[in-house]
Amino acid sequence: MADEQQAPTPVFQIQRVYLKEASLEQPNSPAIFLEQQQPSVDIQLGVEAQSLAEGVFEIAVAATVHTKIGERTVFLVECKQAGIFEIRHIPQELMQQVIGIQCPQIVYPYLRANVADLIQRAGFPPVHLAEINFQAMYEQQLAQQQQQQAAANGQA
């Protein structure tokens, strides 16, 4: 028993969380401030992951918030919040879940705060991004990939 090699201890550490990108456009200001009509709000979210080095990953969560009154843009905010994570000695079957679920859950609250702050600093009431169930989002993306692979295999 003593001769058996112990499995290395799993490592999951946040190295850094940072605002990677932020932009704000309000092409119809200042006239748009006089509008009384409620704008429509379209919010798009995405998650990106890339390997930086052995066991080190950058996970980024991006949001685009586009508000319009009719066809006129009130404001457009694009924001990307990222984190650098050290992830080692985690079983391969769990690695994608850590990258696709746990890491975005850590980064997302920073993104929410930065988006609300940027919009408020632009002179508008803040838009608070809703809570996201990254597990459900991950499972949905996995199901879509499996459907695409099945369709591709059926056509080949």
Protein backbone atom coordinates (compact mmCIF):
# COMPACT_ATOMS: atom_id res chain seq x y z
CA MET A 1 0.00 0.00 0.00
CA ALA A 2 2.75 2.47 0.89
CA ASP A 3 4.39 1.96 -2.52
CA GLU A 4 1.31 3.13 -4.43
CA GLN A 5 1.65 6.59 -5.87
CA GLN A 6 -0.87 9.07 -4.55
CA ALA A 7 -2.86 10.97 -7.13
CA PRO A 8 -1.79 14.63 -7.24
CA THR A 9 -3.95 17.00 -5.26
CA PRO A 10 -6.48 18.85 -7.46
CA VAL A 11 -5.72 22.56 -7.86
CA PHE A 12 -8.31 25.26 -8.57
CA GLN A 13 -7.11 28.81 -7.97
CA ILE A 14 -8.17 32.21 -9.18
CA GLN A 15 -5.06 34.04 -10.36
CA ARG A 16 -6.79 37.24 -11.45
CA VAL A 17 -10.18 38.68 -12.37
CA TYR A 18 -10.10 41.70 -14.66
CA LEU A 19 -12.12 43.85 -17.02
CA LYS A 20 -10.81 42.84 -20.43
CA GLU A 21 -12.92 45.06 -22.66
CA ALA A 22 -15.60 47.71 -22.32
CA SER A 23 -17.24 50.03 -24.80
CA LEU A 24 -20.19 52.38 -24.69
CA GLU A 25 -21.90 54.08 -27.61
CA GLN A 26 -24.76 56.55 -27.37
CA PRO A 27 -25.00 57.89 -30.92
CA ASN A 28 -28.28 59.80 -30.41
CA SER A 29 -27.30 61.73 -27.29
CA PRO A 30 -28.19 64.27 -26.06
CA ALA A 31 -31.55 64.24 -27.88
CA ILE A 32 -32.34 60.71 -26.71
CA PHE A 33 -32.36 61.93 -23.08
CA LEU A 34 -35.53 63.91 -23.86
CA GLU A 35 -37.47 60.83 -25.03
CA GLN A 36 -40.33 59.75 -22.78
CA GLN A 37 -40.87 56.35 -24.38
CA GLN A 38 -39.46 53.24 -22.69
CA PRO A 39 -36.65 51.68 -24.70
CA SER A 40 -36.49 48.03 -25.70
CA VAL A 41 -33.52 46.16 -24.25
CA ASP A 42 -31.70 43.29 -25.95
CA ILE A 43 -29.08 41.43 -23.91
CA GLN A 44 -26.69 38.85 -25.36
CA LEU A 45 -24.26 36.80 -23.27
CA GLY A 46 -21.38 34.53 -24.18
CA VAL A 47 -18.61 32.54 -22.55
CA GLU A 48 -15.15 32.00 -24.02
CA ALA A 49 -12.31 29.84 -22.73
CA GLN A 50 -8.73 29.54 -23.84
CA SER A 51 -5.67 27.77 -22.54
CA LEU A 52 -2.82 30.15 -21.68
CA ALA A 53 -0.30 27.57 -20.48
CA GLU A 54 -0.32 24.07 -19.05
CA GLY A 55 -3.08 24.11 -16.41
CA VAL A 56 -3.75 27.87 -16.77
CA PHE A 57 -6.90 29.13 -18.50
CA GLU A 58 -8.54 32.45 -19.30
CA ILE A 59 -12.32 32.34 -18.99
CA ALA A 60 -14.21 35.38 -20.28
CA VAL A 61 -17.88 36.24 -20.00
CA ALA A 62 -19.11 38.85 -22.48
CA ALA A 63 -22.32 40.87 -22.48
CA THR A 64 -23.84 43.10 -25.12
CA VAL A 65 -26.67 45.39 -23.99
CA HIS A 66 -28.43 47.22 -26.84
CA THR A 67 -31.30 49.56 -26.02
CA LYS A 68 -33.45 51.19 -28.68
CA ILE A 69 -36.45 53.42 -29.02
CA GLY A 70 -37.95 52.44 -32.33
CA GLU A 71 -35.00 52.14 -34.67
CA ARG A 72 -32.84 54.65 -32.80
CA THR A 73 -30.14 53.36 -30.48
CA VAL A 74 -30.31 54.74 -26.95
CA PHE A 75 -27.05 53.07 -25.96
CA LEU A 76 -24.96 50.05 -26.82
CA VAL A 77 -22.67 48.53 -24.20
CA GLU A 78 -20.22 45.73 -24.90
CA CYS A 79 -18.32 44.43 -21.93
CA LYS A 80 -16.03 41.43 -21.38
CA GLN A 81 -14.93 40.34 -17.92
CA ALA A 82 -12.23 37.69 -17.67
CA GLY A 83 -10.46 35.59 -15.13
CA ILE A 84 -7.25 33.62 -15.13
CA PHE A 85 -7.59 30.28 -13.38
CA GLU A 86 -5.07 27.62 -12.49
CA ILE A 87 -6.79 24.26 -12.89
CA ARG A 88 -4.69 21.13 -12.47
CA HIS A 89 -5.13 17.45 -11.64
CA ILE A 90 -8.88 17.48 -12.18
CA PRO A 91 -10.31 14.43 -13.98
CA GLN A 92 -10.80 15.15 -17.68
CA GLU A 93 -14.53 14.39 -17.52
CA LEU A 94 -14.92 17.20 -14.95
CA MET A 95 -12.54 19.71 -16.58
CA GLN A 96 -15.07 21.03 -19.13
CA GLN A 97 -17.65 21.51 -16.38
CA VAL A 98 -15.18 23.47 -14.25
CA ILE A 99 -14.30 25.66 -17.25
CA GLY A 100 -17.89 25.99 -18.52
CA ILE A 101 -19.75 26.35 -15.21
CA GLN A 102 -17.66 27.15 -12.12
CA CYS A 103 -15.29 29.69 -13.72
CA PRO A 104 -18.04 31.76 -15.41
CA GLN A 105 -20.01 31.77 -12.12
CA ILE A 106 -17.01 33.42 -10.45
CA VAL A 107 -16.44 36.01 -13.21
CA TYR A 108 -20.08 36.93 -13.91
CA PRO A 109 -20.82 39.05 -10.79
CA TYR A 110 -17.94 41.35 -11.74
CA LEU A 111 -19.37 41.68 -15.26
CA ARG A 112 -22.83 42.50 -13.87
CA ALA A 113 -21.40 45.25 -11.67
CA ASN A 114 -19.28 46.75 -14.46
CA VAL A 115 -22.16 46.80 -16.96
CA ALA A 116 -24.53 48.47 -14.47
CA ASP A 117 -21.85 51.00 -13.49
CA LEU A 118 -20.93 51.86 -17.08
CA ILE A 119 -24.57 52.44 -18.04
CA GLN A 120 -25.23 54.55 -14.95
CA ARG A 121 -22.10 56.65 -15.57
CA ALA A 122 -23.43 57.29 -19.10
CA GLY A 123 -26.45 59.01 -17.52
CA PHE A 124 -29.00 56.20 -17.80
CA PRO A 125 -30.69 54.07 -15.15
CA PRO A 126 -28.51 50.99 -14.62
CA VAL A 127 -29.40 47.75 -16.36
CA HIS A 128 -28.94 44.87 -13.96
CA LEU A 129 -28.15 41.65 -15.77
CA ALA A 130 -30.19 38.73 -14.49
CA GLU A 131 -28.63 35.87 -12.59
CA ILE A 132 -27.49 33.12 -14.93
CA ASN A 133 -27.64 29.38 -14.37
CA PHE A 134 -24.35 28.48 -16.03
CA GLN A 135 -24.99 24.77 -15.51
CA ALA A 136 -28.19 24.95 -17.57
CA MET A 137 -26.41 27.09 -20.18
CA TYR A 138 -23.54 24.55 -20.35
CA GLU A 139 -25.93 21.60 -20.68
CA GLN A 140 -27.87 23.41 -23.44
CA GLN A 141 -24.65 24.07 -25.39
CA LEU A 142 -23.60 20.44 -24.92
CA ALA A 143 -26.97 19.22 -26.25
CA GLN A 144 -26.69 21.56 -29.28
CA GLN A 145 -23.19 20.25 -30.04
CA GLN A 146 -24.41 16.67 -29.81
CA GLN A 147 -27.32 17.43 -32.16
CA GLN A 148 -24.97 19.09 -34.65
CA GLN A 149 -22.59 16.12 -34.52
CA ALA A 150 -25.48 13.68 -35.00
CA ALA A 151 -26.75 15.71 -37.97
CA ALA A 152 -23.23 15.89 -39.46
CA ASN A 153 -22.75 12.14 -39.03
CA GLY A 154 -26.13 11.46 -40.61
CA GLN A 155 -25.20 13.52 -43.69
CA ALA A 156 -21.69 12.11 -44.10
